Amino acid sequence: MDYSAKPEKIPLYCDNTSAINLTKNPIQHSKNKYIEIINNCIRDHIQKGEIEIKFVKTKNQLADLFIKPLARDRFNKLRTELVVLDMKNVCCKT
Protein backbone atom coordinates (compact mmCIF):
# COMPACT_ATOMS: atom_id res chain seq x y z
CA MET A 1 0.00 0.00 0.00
CA ASP A 2 1.41 3.39 -0.97
CA TYR A 3 0.55 6.30 1.33
CA SER A 4 2.43 8.79 -0.87
CA ALA A 5 4.37 9.98 2.15
CA LYS A 6 7.55 11.80 1.30
CA PRO A 7 9.78 12.09 4.37
CA GLU A 8 12.26 14.90 4.72
CA LYS A 9 15.97 14.16 4.79
CA ILE A 10 16.84 11.69 7.53
CA PRO A 11 19.52 13.18 9.79
CA LEU A 12 22.47 10.93 10.53
CA TYR A 13 24.48 12.35 13.43
CA CYS A 14 28.19 11.57 13.48
CA ASP A 15 31.00 12.72 15.77
CA ASN A 16 33.77 11.52 13.46
CA THR A 17 34.84 14.13 10.91
CA SER A 18 36.91 11.57 8.97
CA ALA A 19 33.82 9.40 8.49
CA ILE A 20 31.83 12.45 7.38
CA ASN A 21 34.56 13.38 4.88
CA LEU A 22 34.54 9.83 3.45
CA THR A 23 30.86 10.23 2.59
CA LYS A 24 31.70 13.38 0.62
CA ASN A 25 34.89 12.18 -1.08
CA PRO A 26 34.58 9.27 -3.54
CA ILE A 27 38.31 8.53 -3.39
CA GLN A 28 38.90 5.29 -1.51
CA HIS A 29 42.09 4.64 0.41
CA SER A 30 43.54 1.24 1.27
CA LYS A 31 42.75 1.69 4.97
CA ASN A 32 39.02 2.04 4.37
CA LYS A 33 38.38 -0.39 1.50
CA TYR A 34 36.50 -2.76 3.82
CA ILE A 35 33.78 -0.12 4.25
CA GLU A 36 33.61 0.81 0.57
CA ILE A 37 30.19 -0.80 -0.04
CA ILE A 38 28.57 0.82 3.00
CA ASN A 39 30.18 4.16 2.21
CA ASN A 40 28.94 4.07 -1.39
CA CYS A 41 25.44 3.22 -0.21
CA ILE A 42 25.39 6.17 2.21
CA ARG A 43 26.85 8.48 -0.44
CA ASP A 44 24.09 7.44 -2.87
CA HIS A 45 21.39 8.25 -0.31
CA ILE A 46 23.04 11.63 0.38
CA GLN A 47 23.12 12.47 -3.34
CA LYS A 48 19.44 11.50 -3.66
CA GLY A 49 18.65 13.87 -0.77
CA GLU A 50 17.37 11.08 1.47
CA ILE A 51 20.04 11.33 4.18
CA GLU A 52 21.81 14.33 5.63
CA ILE A 53 25.04 13.85 7.61
CA LYS A 54 25.26 16.20 10.58
CA PHE A 55 28.23 16.69 12.88
CA VAL A 56 27.59 16.34 16.59
CA LYS A 57 30.18 16.91 19.31
CA THR A 58 31.36 13.71 20.98
CA LYS A 59 30.04 14.85 24.36
CA ASN A 60 26.54 15.10 22.83
CA GLN A 61 26.59 11.79 20.93
CA LEU A 62 23.52 9.96 22.25
CA ALA A 63 24.60 6.66 20.67
CA ASP A 64 27.44 6.47 23.23
CA LEU A 65 24.80 5.63 25.82
CA PHE A 66 24.31 2.26 24.12
CA ILE A 67 27.81 1.39 22.92
CA LYS A 68 30.34 2.63 25.49
CA PRO A 69 30.96 2.37 29.21
CA LEU A 70 30.37 5.89 30.53
CA ALA A 71 31.01 7.79 33.72
CA ARG A 72 27.85 8.05 35.83
CA ASP A 73 27.36 11.80 35.24
CA ARG A 74 27.67 11.47 31.44
CA PHE A 75 25.42 8.41 31.41
CA ASN A 76 22.77 10.28 33.39
CA LYS A 77 23.03 13.35 31.15
CA LEU A 78 22.55 11.33 27.95
CA ARG A 79 19.77 9.26 29.54
CA THR A 80 17.96 12.48 30.48
CA GLU A 81 18.26 13.75 26.90
CA LEU A 82 16.57 10.55 25.70
CA VAL A 83 13.86 11.06 28.36
CA VAL A 84 14.60 7.68 29.96
CA LEU A 85 13.49 7.63 33.56
CA ASP A 86 15.35 6.22 36.53
CA MET A 87 12.79 3.82 38.04
CA LYS A 88 14.11 4.51 41.56
CA ASN A 89 12.80 8.05 41.24
CA VAL A 90 9.39 7.16 39.77
CA CYS A 91 6.57 7.22 42.25
CA CYS A 92 3.46 5.20 41.57
CA LYS A 93 0.25 5.87 43.45
CA THR A 94 -2.23 3.06 43.73
PDB file of N, CA and C in Angstrom:
ATOM      1  N   MET A   1       0.843  -1.166   0.000  1.00  0.00           N
ATOM      2  CA  MET A   1       0.000   0.000   0.000  1.00  0.00           C
ATOM      3  C   MET A   1       0.894   1.237   0.000  1.00  0.00           C
ATOM      4  N   ASP A   2       0.627   2.161  -0.851  1.00  0.00           N
ATOM      5  CA  ASP A   2       1.409   3.393  -0.968  1.00  0.00           C
ATOM      6  C   ASP A   2       0.632   4.549  -0.355  1.00  0.00           C
ATOM      7  N   TYR A   3       1.205   5.164   0.665  1.00  0.00           N
ATOM      8  CA  TYR A   3       0.554   6.298   1.326  1.00  0.00           C
ATOM      9  C   TYR A   3       1.013   7.634   0.755  1.00  0.00           C
ATOM     10  N   SER A   4       1.878   7.587  -0.228  1.00  0.00           N
ATOM     11  CA  SER A   4       2.428   8.788  -0.873  1.00  0.00           C
ATOM     12  C   SER A   4       3.107   9.725   0.118  1.00  0.00           C
ATOM     13  N   ALA A   5       3.645   9.172   1.171  1.00  0.00           N
ATOM     14  CA  ALA A   5       4.366   9.980   2.151  1.00  0.00           C
ATOM     15  C   ALA A   5       5.781  10.218   1.648  1.00  0.00           C
ATOM     16  N   LYS A   6       6.204  11.447   1.718  1.00  0.00           N
ATOM     17  CA  LYS A   6       7.552  11.798   1.296  1.00  0.00           C
ATOM     18  C   LYS A   6       8.283  12.401   2.495  1.00  0.00           C
ATOM     19  N   PRO A   7       9.075  11.571   3.185  1.00  0.00           N
ATOM     20  CA  PRO A   7       9.776  12.087   4.369  1.00  0.00           C
ATOM     21  C   PRO A   7      10.855  13.089   3.984  1.00  0.00           C
ATOM     22  N   GLU A   8      11.154  13.962   4.919  1.00  0.00           N
ATOM     23  CA  GLU A   8      12.261  14.898   4.719  1.00  0.00           C
ATOM     24  C   GLU A   8      13.566  14.121   4.812  1.00  0.00           C
ATOM     25  N   LYS A   9      14.668  14.817   4.653  1.00  0.00           N
ATOM     26  CA  LYS A   9      15.968  14.162   4.787  1.00  0.00           C
ATOM     27  C   LYS A   9      16.088  13.562   6.185  1.00  0.00           C
ATOM     28  N   ILE A  10      16.613  12.362   6.245  1.00  0.00           N
ATOM     29  CA  ILE A  10      16.839  11.694   7.526  1.00  0.00           C
ATOM     30  C   ILE A  10      18.190  12.157   8.047  1.00  0.00           C
ATOM     31  N   PRO A  11      18.223  12.741   9.256  1.00  0.00           N
ATOM     32  CA  PRO A  11      19.519  13.176   9.786  1.00  0.00           C
ATOM     33  C   PRO A  11      20.301  11.992  10.338  1.00  0.00           C
ATOM     34  N   LEU A  12      21.566  11.937  10.015  1.00  0.00           N
ATOM     35  CA  LEU A  12      22.474  10.927  10.531  1.00  0.00           C
ATOM     36  C   LEU A  12      23.558  11.685  11.281  1.00  0.00           C
ATOM     37  N   TYR A  13      23.552  11.595  12.603  1.00  0.00           N
ATOM     38  CA  TYR A  13      24.481  12.350  13.428  1.00  0.00           C
ATOM     39  C   TYR A  13      25.766  11.565  13.627  1.00  0.00           C
ATOM     40  N   CYS A  14      26.886  12.227  13.410  1.00  0.00           N
ATOM     41  CA  CYS A  14      28.190  11.572  13.475  1.00  0.00           C
ATOM     42  C   CYS A  14      29.185  12.494  14.176  1.00  0.00           C
ATOM     43  N   ASP A  15      29.994  11.916  15.075  1.00  0.00           N
ATOM     44  CA  ASP A  15      30.999  12.718  15.774  1.00  0.00           C
ATOM     45  C   ASP A  15      32.400  12.485  15.208  1.00  0.00           C
ATOM     46  N   ASN A  16      32.489  11.838  14.062  1.00  0.00           N
ATOM     47  CA  ASN A  16      33.771  11.523  13.456  1.00  0.00           C
ATOM     48  C   ASN A  16      33.902  12.272  12.129  1.00  0.00           C
ATOM     49  N   THR A  17      34.709  13.322  12.118  1.00  0.00           N
ATOM     50  CA  THR A  17      34.841  14.133  10.909  1.00  0.00           C
ATOM     51  C   THR A  17      35.454  13.349   9.752  1.00  0.00           C
ATOM     52  N   SER A  18      36.325  12.387  10.049  1.00  0.00           N
ATOM     53  CA  SER A  18      36.906  11.569   8.973  1.00  0.00           C
ATOM     54  C   SER A  18      35.828  10.740   8.289  1.00  0.00           C
ATOM     55  N   ALA A  19      34.917  10.175   9.074  1.00  0.00           N
ATOM     56  CA  ALA A  19      33.816   9.399   8.487  1.00  0.00           C
ATOM     57  C   ALA A  19      32.911  10.293   7.654  1.00  0.00           C
ATOM     58  N   ILE A  20      32.656  11.501   8.127  1.00  0.00           N
ATOM     59  CA  ILE A  20      31.833  12.452   7.379  1.00  0.00           C
ATOM     60  C   ILE A  20      32.510  12.797   6.061  1.00  0.00           C
ATOM     61  N   ASN A  21      33.821  13.040   6.095  1.00  0.00           N
ATOM     62  CA  ASN A  21      34.558  13.379   4.876  1.00  0.00           C
ATOM     63  C   ASN A  21      34.566  12.225   3.879  1.00  0.00           C
ATOM     64  N   LEU A  22      34.593  10.975   4.360  1.00  0.00           N
ATOM     65  CA  LEU A  22      34.544   9.830   3.453  1.00  0.00           C
ATOM     66  C   LEU A  22      33.228   9.774   2.690  1.00  0.00           C
ATOM     67  N   THR A  23      32.143  10.250   3.295  1.00  0.00           N
ATOM     68  CA  THR A  23      30.855  10.235   2.589  1.00  0.00           C
ATOM     69  C   THR A  23      30.825  11.294   1.491  1.00  0.00           C
ATOM     70  N   LYS A  24      31.672  12.302   1.612  1.00  0.00           N
ATOM     71  CA  LYS A  24      31.703  13.381   0.621  1.00  0.00           C
ATOM     72  C   LYS A  24      32.727  13.144  -0.470  1.00  0.00           C
ATOM     73  N   ASN A  25      33.774  12.369  -0.172  1.00  0.00           N
ATOM     74  CA  ASN A  25      34.887  12.176  -1.083  1.00  0.00           C
ATOM     75  C   ASN A  25      34.863  10.763  -1.652  1.00  0.00           C
ATOM     76  N   PRO A  26      34.662  10.613  -2.957  1.00  0.00           N
ATOM     77  CA  PRO A  26      34.580   9.273  -3.543  1.00  0.00           C
ATOM     78  C   PRO A  26      35.904   8.531  -3.638  1.00  0.00           C
ATOM     79  N   ILE A  27      37.001   9.181  -3.321  1.00  0.00           N
ATOM     80  CA  ILE A  27      38.308   8.527  -3.388  1.00  0.00           C
ATOM     81  C   ILE A  27      38.427   7.550  -2.224  1.00  0.00           C
ATOM     82  N   GLN A  28      38.746   6.318  -2.534  1.00  0.00           N
ATOM     83  CA  GLN A  28      38.898   5.293  -1.509  1.00  0.00           C
ATOM     84  C   GLN A  28      40.386   5.067  -1.232  1.00  0.00           C
ATOM     85  N   HIS A  29      40.714   4.903   0.014  1.00  0.00           N
ATOM     86  CA  HIS A  29      42.087   4.638   0.405  1.00  0.00           C
ATOM     87  C   HIS A  29      42.187   3.200   0.897  1.00  0.00           C
ATOM     88  N   SER A  30      43.366   2.643   0.911  1.00  0.00           N
ATOM     89  CA  SER A  30      43.540   1.242   1.275  1.00  0.00           C
ATOM     90  C   SER A  30      43.054   0.953   2.688  1.00  0.00           C
ATOM     91  N   LYS A  31      43.144   1.917   3.588  1.00  0.00           N
ATOM     92  CA  LYS A  31      42.750   1.685   4.973  1.00  0.00           C
ATOM     93  C   LYS A  31      41.239   1.584   5.151  1.00  0.00           C
ATOM     94  N   ASN A  32      40.470   2.080   4.187  1.00  0.00           N
ATOM     95  CA  ASN A  32      39.018   2.039   4.371  1.00  0.00           C
ATOM     96  C   ASN A  32      38.302   1.227   3.294  1.00  0.00           C
ATOM     97  N   LYS A  33      39.025   0.384   2.564  1.00  0.00           N
ATOM     98  CA  LYS A  33      38.378  -0.391   1.497  1.00  0.00           C
ATOM     99  C   LYS A  33      37.326  -1.348   2.039  1.00  0.00           C
ATOM    100  N   TYR A  34      37.468  -1.807   3.265  1.00  0.00           N
ATOM    101  CA  TYR A  34      36.503  -2.757   3.821  1.00  0.00           C
ATOM    102  C   TYR A  34      35.137  -2.115   4.065  1.00  0.00           C
ATOM    103  N   ILE A  35      35.068  -0.785   4.081  1.00  0.00           N
ATOM    104  CA  ILE A  35      33.778  -0.122   4.252  1.00  0.00           C
ATOM    105  C   ILE A  35      33.290   0.515   2.956  1.00  0.00           C
ATOM    106  N   GLU A  36      33.926   0.182   1.857  1.00  0.00           N
ATOM    107  CA  GLU A  36      33.613   0.809   0.572  1.00  0.00           C
ATOM    108  C   GLU A  36      32.143   0.634   0.182  1.00  0.00           C
ATOM    109  N   ILE A  37      31.585  -0.556   0.354  1.00  0.00           N
ATOM    110  CA  ILE A  37      30.194  -0.801  -0.045  1.00  0.00           C
ATOM    111  C   ILE A  37      29.239   0.036   0.802  1.00  0.00           C
ATOM    112  N   ILE A  38      29.440   0.037   2.108  1.00  0.00           N
ATOM    113  CA  ILE A  38      28.570   0.817   3.003  1.00  0.00           C
ATOM    114  C   ILE A  38      28.702   2.303   2.692  1.00  0.00           C
ATOM    115  N   ASN A  39      29.929   2.757   2.501  1.00  0.00           N
ATOM    116  CA  ASN A  39      30.181   4.163   2.212  1.00  0.00           C
ATOM    117  C   ASN A  39      29.502   4.586   0.906  1.00  0.00           C
ATOM    118  N   ASN A  40      29.579   3.746  -0.118  1.00  0.00           N
ATOM    119  CA  ASN A  40      28.936   4.069  -1.395  1.00  0.00           C
ATOM    120  C   ASN A  40      27.423   4.125  -1.246  1.00  0.00           C
ATOM    121  N   CYS A  41      26.875   3.238  -0.451  1.00  0.00           N
ATOM    122  CA  CYS A  41      25.435   3.223  -0.207  1.00  0.00           C
ATOM    123  C   CYS A  41      25.001   4.520   0.470  1.00  0.00           C
ATOM    124  N   ILE A  42      25.719   4.926   1.504  1.00  0.00           N
ATOM    125  CA  ILE A  42      25.390   6.169   2.213  1.00  0.00           C
ATOM    126  C   ILE A  42      25.543   7.362   1.278  1.00  0.00           C
ATOM    127  N   ARG A  43      26.625   7.385   0.497  1.00  0.00           N
ATOM    128  CA  ARG A  43      26.849   8.484  -0.436  1.00  0.00           C
ATOM    129  C   ARG A  43      25.706   8.582  -1.457  1.00  0.00           C
ATOM    130  N   ASP A  44      25.218   7.439  -1.929  1.00  0.00           N
ATOM    131  CA  ASP A  44      24.094   7.437  -2.869  1.00  0.00           C
ATOM    132  C   ASP A  44      22.849   8.059  -2.241  1.00  0.00           C
ATOM    133  N   HIS A  45      22.565   7.694  -0.998  1.00  0.00           N
ATOM    134  CA  HIS A  45      21.393   8.253  -0.307  1.00  0.00           C
ATOM    135  C   HIS A  45      21.550   9.755  -0.068  1.00  0.00           C
ATOM    136  N   ILE A  46      22.782  10.197   0.197  1.00  0.00           N
ATOM    137  CA  ILE A  46      23.035  11.628   0.381  1.00  0.00           C
ATOM    138  C   ILE A  46      22.787  12.371  -0.927  1.00  0.00           C
ATOM    139  N   GLN A  47      23.299  11.827  -2.028  1.00  0.00           N
ATOM    140  CA  GLN A  47      23.119  12.467  -3.338  1.00  0.00           C
ATOM    141  C   GLN A  47      21.655  12.517  -3.755  1.00  0.00           C
ATOM    142  N   LYS A  48      20.873  11.523  -3.352  1.00  0.00           N
ATOM    143  CA  LYS A  48      19.438  11.503  -3.660  1.00  0.00           C
ATOM    144  C   LYS A  48      18.651  12.436  -2.742  1.00  0.00           C
ATOM    145  N   GLY A  49      19.316  12.967  -1.713  1.00  0.00           N
ATOM    146  CA  GLY A  49      18.651  13.867  -0.775  1.00  0.00           C
ATOM    147  C   GLY A  49      17.832  13.143   0.281  1.00  0.00           C
ATOM    148  N   GLU A  50      18.115  11.865   0.492  1.00  0.00           N
ATOM    149  CA  GLU A  50      17.368  11.079   1.467  1.00  0.00           C
ATOM    150  C   GLU A  50      17.991  11.122   2.859  1.00  0.00           C
ATOM    151  N   ILE A  51      19.301  11.285   2.906  1.00  0.00           N
ATOM    152  CA  ILE A  51      20.036  11.327   4.179  1.00  0.00           C
ATOM    153  C   ILE A  51      20.850  12.601   4.230  1.00  0.00           C
ATOM    154  N   GLU A  52      20.973  13.153   5.419  1.00  0.00           N
ATOM    155  CA  GLU A  52      21.813  14.330   5.634  1.00  0.00           C
ATOM    156  C   GLU A  52      22.743  14.023   6.803  1.00  0.00           C
ATOM    157  N   ILE A  53      24.052  14.094   6.570  1.00  0.00           N
ATOM    158  CA  ILE A  53      25.037  13.852   7.613  1.00  0.00           C
ATOM    159  C   ILE A  53      25.220  15.137   8.403  1.00  0.00           C
ATOM    160  N   LYS A  54      25.080  15.038   9.719  1.00  0.00           N
ATOM    161  CA  LYS A  54      25.262  16.203  10.580  1.00  0.00           C
ATOM    162  C   LYS A  54      26.322  15.890  11.627  1.00  0.00           C
ATOM    163  N   PHE A  55      27.194  16.855  11.856  1.00  0.00           N
ATOM    164  CA  PHE A  55      28.228  16.692  12.880  1.00  0.00           C
ATOM    165  C   PHE A  55      27.624  16.961  14.253  1.00  0.00           C
ATOM    166  N   VAL A  56      27.992  16.135  15.202  1.00  0.00           N
ATOM    167  CA  VAL A  56      27.592  16.337  16.593  1.00  0.00           C
ATOM    168  C   VAL A  56      28.854  16.161  17.446  1.00  0.00           C
ATOM    169  N   LYS A  57      29.023  17.017  18.428  1.00  0.00           N
ATOM    170  CA  LYS A  57      30.183  16.907  19.314  1.00  0.00           C
ATOM    171  C   LYS A  57      30.120  15.577  20.058  1.00  0.00           C
ATOM    172  N   THR A  58      31.285  15.001  20.311  1.00  0.00           N
ATOM    173  CA  THR A  58      31.358  13.710  20.981  1.00  0.00           C
ATOM    174  C   THR A  58      30.610  13.720  22.306  1.00  0.00           C
ATOM    175  N   LYS A  59      30.698  14.808  23.047  1.00  0.00           N
ATOM    176  CA  LYS A  59      30.038  14.850  24.360  1.00  0.00           C
ATOM    177  C   LYS A  59      28.513  14.823  24.243  1.00  0.00           C
ATOM    178  N   ASN A  60      27.990  15.109  23.042  1.00  0.00           N
ATOM    179  CA  ASN A  60      26.539  15.103  22.827  1.00  0.00           C
ATOM    180  C   ASN A  60      26.062  13.909  22.008  1.00  0.00           C
ATOM    181  N   GLN A  61      26.941  12.932  21.760  1.00  0.00           N
ATOM    182  CA  GLN A  61      26.588  11.786  20.931  1.00  0.00           C
ATOM    183  C   GLN A  61      25.743  10.802  21.741  1.00  0.00           C
ATOM    184  N   LEU A  62      24.442  10.795  21.492  1.00  0.00           N
ATOM    185  CA  LEU A  62      23.524   9.957  22.250  1.00  0.00           C
ATOM    186  C   LEU A  62      23.791   8.465  22.064  1.00  0.00           C
ATOM    187  N   ALA A  63      24.330   8.076  20.922  1.00  0.00           N
ATOM    188  CA  ALA A  63      24.603   6.657  20.672  1.00  0.00           C
ATOM    189  C   ALA A  63      25.601   6.096  21.678  1.00  0.00           C
ATOM    190  N   ASP A  64      26.455   6.939  22.244  1.00  0.00           N
ATOM    191  CA  ASP A  64      27.436   6.472  23.225  1.00  0.00           C
ATOM    192  C   ASP A  64      26.762   5.805  24.418  1.00  0.00           C
ATOM    193  N   LEU A  65      25.558   6.213  24.715  1.00  0.00           N
ATOM    194  CA  LEU A  65      24.804   5.633  25.821  1.00  0.00           C
ATOM    195  C   LEU A  65      24.651   4.124  25.652  1.00  0.00           C
ATOM    196  N   PHE A  66      24.553   3.659  24.406  1.00  0.00           N
ATOM    197  CA  PHE A  66      24.315   2.257  24.123  1.00  0.00           C
ATOM    198  C   PHE A  66      25.555   1.455  23.772  1.00  0.00           C
ATOM    199  N   ILE A  67      26.657   2.134  23.442  1.00  0.00           N
ATOM    200  CA  ILE A  67      27.808   1.385  22.921  1.00  0.00           C
ATOM    201  C   ILE A  67      29.096   1.538  23.717  1.00  0.00           C
ATOM    202  N   LYS A  68      29.106   2.397  24.741  1.00  0.00           N
ATOM    203  CA  LYS A  68      30.343   2.627  25.486  1.00  0.00           C
ATOM    204  C   LYS A  68      30.082   2.618  26.987  1.00  0.00           C
ATOM    205  N   PRO A  69      31.085   2.182  27.756  1.00  0.00           N
ATOM    206  CA  PRO A  69      30.963   2.374  29.208  1.00  0.00           C
ATOM    207  C   PRO A  69      31.183   3.858  29.501  1.00  0.00           C
ATOM    208  N   LEU A  70      30.302   4.453  30.267  1.00  0.00           N
ATOM    209  CA  LEU A  70      30.370   5.892  30.530  1.00  0.00           C
ATOM    210  C   LEU A  70      30.447   6.179  32.011  1.00  0.00           C
ATOM    211  N   ALA A  71      31.038   7.326  32.342  1.00  0.00           N
ATOM    212  CA  ALA A  71      31.006   7.791  33.721  1.00  0.00           C
ATOM    213  C   ALA A  71      29.551   8.061  34.101  1.00  0.00           C
ATOM    214  N   ARG A  72      29.235   7.919  35.365  1.00  0.00           N
ATOM    215  CA  ARG A  72      27.855   8.049  35.835  1.00  0.00           C
ATOM    216  C   ARG A  72      27.214   9.378  35.421  1.00  0.00           C
ATOM    217  N   ASP A  73      27.950  10.494  35.567  1.00  0.00           N
ATOM    218  CA  ASP A  73      27.363  11.800  35.241  1.00  0.00           C
ATOM    219  C   ASP A  73      27.048  11.925  33.741  1.00  0.00           C
ATOM    220  N   ARG A  74      27.931  11.403  32.892  1.00  0.00           N
ATOM    221  CA  ARG A  74      27.671  11.469  31.444  1.00  0.00           C
ATOM    222  C   ARG A  74      26.523  10.535  31.056  1.00  0.00           C
ATOM    223  N   PHE A  75      26.507   9.347  31.658  1.00  0.00           N
ATOM    224  CA  PHE A  75      25.416   8.406  31.412  1.00  0.00           C
ATOM    225  C   PHE A  75      24.075   9.045  31.773  1.00  0.00           C
ATOM    226  N   ASN A  76      24.012   9.655  32.945  1.00  0.00           N
ATOM    227  CA  ASN A  76      22.765  10.280  33.393  1.00  0.00           C
ATOM    228  C   ASN A  76      22.360  11.449  32.496  1.00  0.00           C
ATOM    229  N   LYS A  77      23.334  12.228  32.040  1.00  0.00           N
ATOM    230  CA  LYS A  77      23.026  13.355  31.149  1.00  0.00           C
ATOM    231  C   LYS A  77      22.416  12.863  29.835  1.00  0.00           C
ATOM    232  N   LEU A  78      23.050  11.855  29.221  1.00  0.00           N
ATOM    233  CA  LEU A  78      22.547  11.330  27.954  1.00  0.00           C
ATOM    234  C   LEU A  78      21.193  10.634  28.144  1.00  0.00           C
ATOM    235  N   ARG A  79      21.041   9.929  29.250  1.00  0.00           N
ATOM    236  CA  ARG A  79      19.766   9.262  29.537  1.00  0.00           C
ATOM    237  C   ARG A  79      18.653  10.291  29.676  1.00  0.00           C
ATOM    238  N   THR A  80      18.949  11.410  30.321  1.00  0.00           N
ATOM    239  CA  THR A  80      17.964  12.475  30.481  1.00  0.00           C
ATOM    240  C   THR A  80      17.577  13.058  29.122  1.00  0.00           C
ATOM    241  N   GLU A  81      18.547  13.217  28.234  1.00  0.00           N
ATOM    242  CA  GLU A  81      18.259  13.749  26.899  1.00  0.00           C
ATOM    243  C   GLU A  81      17.356  12.814  26.097  1.00  0.00           C
ATOM    244  N   LEU A  82      17.434  11.513  26.377  1.00  0.00           N
ATOM    245  CA  LEU A  82      16.568  10.551  25.701  1.00  0.00           C
ATOM    246  C   LEU A  82      15.219  10.398  26.420  1.00  0.00           C
ATOM    247  N   VAL A  83      15.057  11.110  27.524  1.00  0.00           N
ATOM    248  CA  VAL A  83      13.860  11.055  28.360  1.00  0.00           C
ATOM    249  C   VAL A  83      13.620   9.618  28.841  1.00  0.00           C
ATOM    250  N   VAL A  84      14.693   8.995  29.331  1.00  0.00           N
ATOM    251  CA  VAL A  84      14.604   7.683  29.956  1.00  0.00           C
ATOM    252  C   VAL A  84      14.619   7.910  31.457  1.00  0.00           C
ATOM    253  N   LEU A  85      13.626   7.387  32.137  1.00  0.00           N
ATOM    254  CA  LEU A  85      13.489   7.631  33.564  1.00  0.00           C
ATOM    255  C   LEU A  85      14.275   6.630  34.394  1.00  0.00           C
ATOM    256  N   ASP A  86      14.732   7.079  35.543  1.00  0.00           N
ATOM    257  CA  ASP A  86      15.349   6.219  36.531  1.00  0.00           C
ATOM    258  C   ASP A  86      14.211   5.687  37.391  1.00  0.00           C
ATOM    259  N   MET A  87      13.960   4.401  37.351  1.00  0.00           N
ATOM    260  CA  MET A  87      12.789   3.823  38.038  1.00  0.00           C
ATOM    261  C   MET A  87      12.840   4.018  39.545  1.00  0.00           C
ATOM    262  N   LYS A  88      14.019   4.260  40.125  1.00  0.00           N
ATOM    263  CA  LYS A  88      14.106   4.513  41.562  1.00  0.00           C
ATOM    264  C   LYS A  88      13.419   5.810  41.930  1.00  0.00           C
ATOM    265  N   ASN A  89      13.354   6.739  40.960  1.00  0.00           N
ATOM    266  CA  ASN A  89      12.795   8.053  41.236  1.00  0.00           C
ATOM    267  C   ASN A  89      11.347   8.203  40.751  1.00  0.00           C
ATOM    268  N   VAL A  90      10.769   7.110  40.257  1.00  0.00           N
ATOM    269  CA  VAL A  90       9.395   7.162  39.771  1.00  0.00           C
ATOM    270  C   VAL A  90       8.476   6.712  40.889  1.00  0.00           C
ATOM    271  N   CYS A  91       7.513   7.536  41.170  1.00  0.00           N
ATOM    272  CA  CYS A  91       6.572   7.225  42.254  1.00  0.00           C
ATOM    273  C   CYS A  91       5.242   6.796  41.645  1.00  0.00           C
ATOM    274  N   CYS A  92       4.748   5.665  42.075  1.00  0.00           N
ATOM    275  CA  CYS A  92       3.462   5.196  41.573  1.00  0.00           C
ATOM    276  C   CYS A  92       2.440   5.208  42.717  1.00  0.00           C
ATOM    277  N   LYS A  93       1.323   5.850  42.470  1.00  0.00           N
ATOM    278  CA  LYS A  93       0.252   5.871  43.453  1.00  0.00           C
ATOM    279  C   LYS A  93      -0.798   4.852  43.060  1.00  0.00           C
ATOM    280  N   THR A  94      -1.196   4.052  44.021  1.00  0.00           N
ATOM    281  CA  THR A  94      -2.227   3.063  43.729  1.00  0.00           C
ATOM    282  C   THR A  94      -3.481   3.327  44.511  1.00  0.00           C
TER     283      THR A  94
END
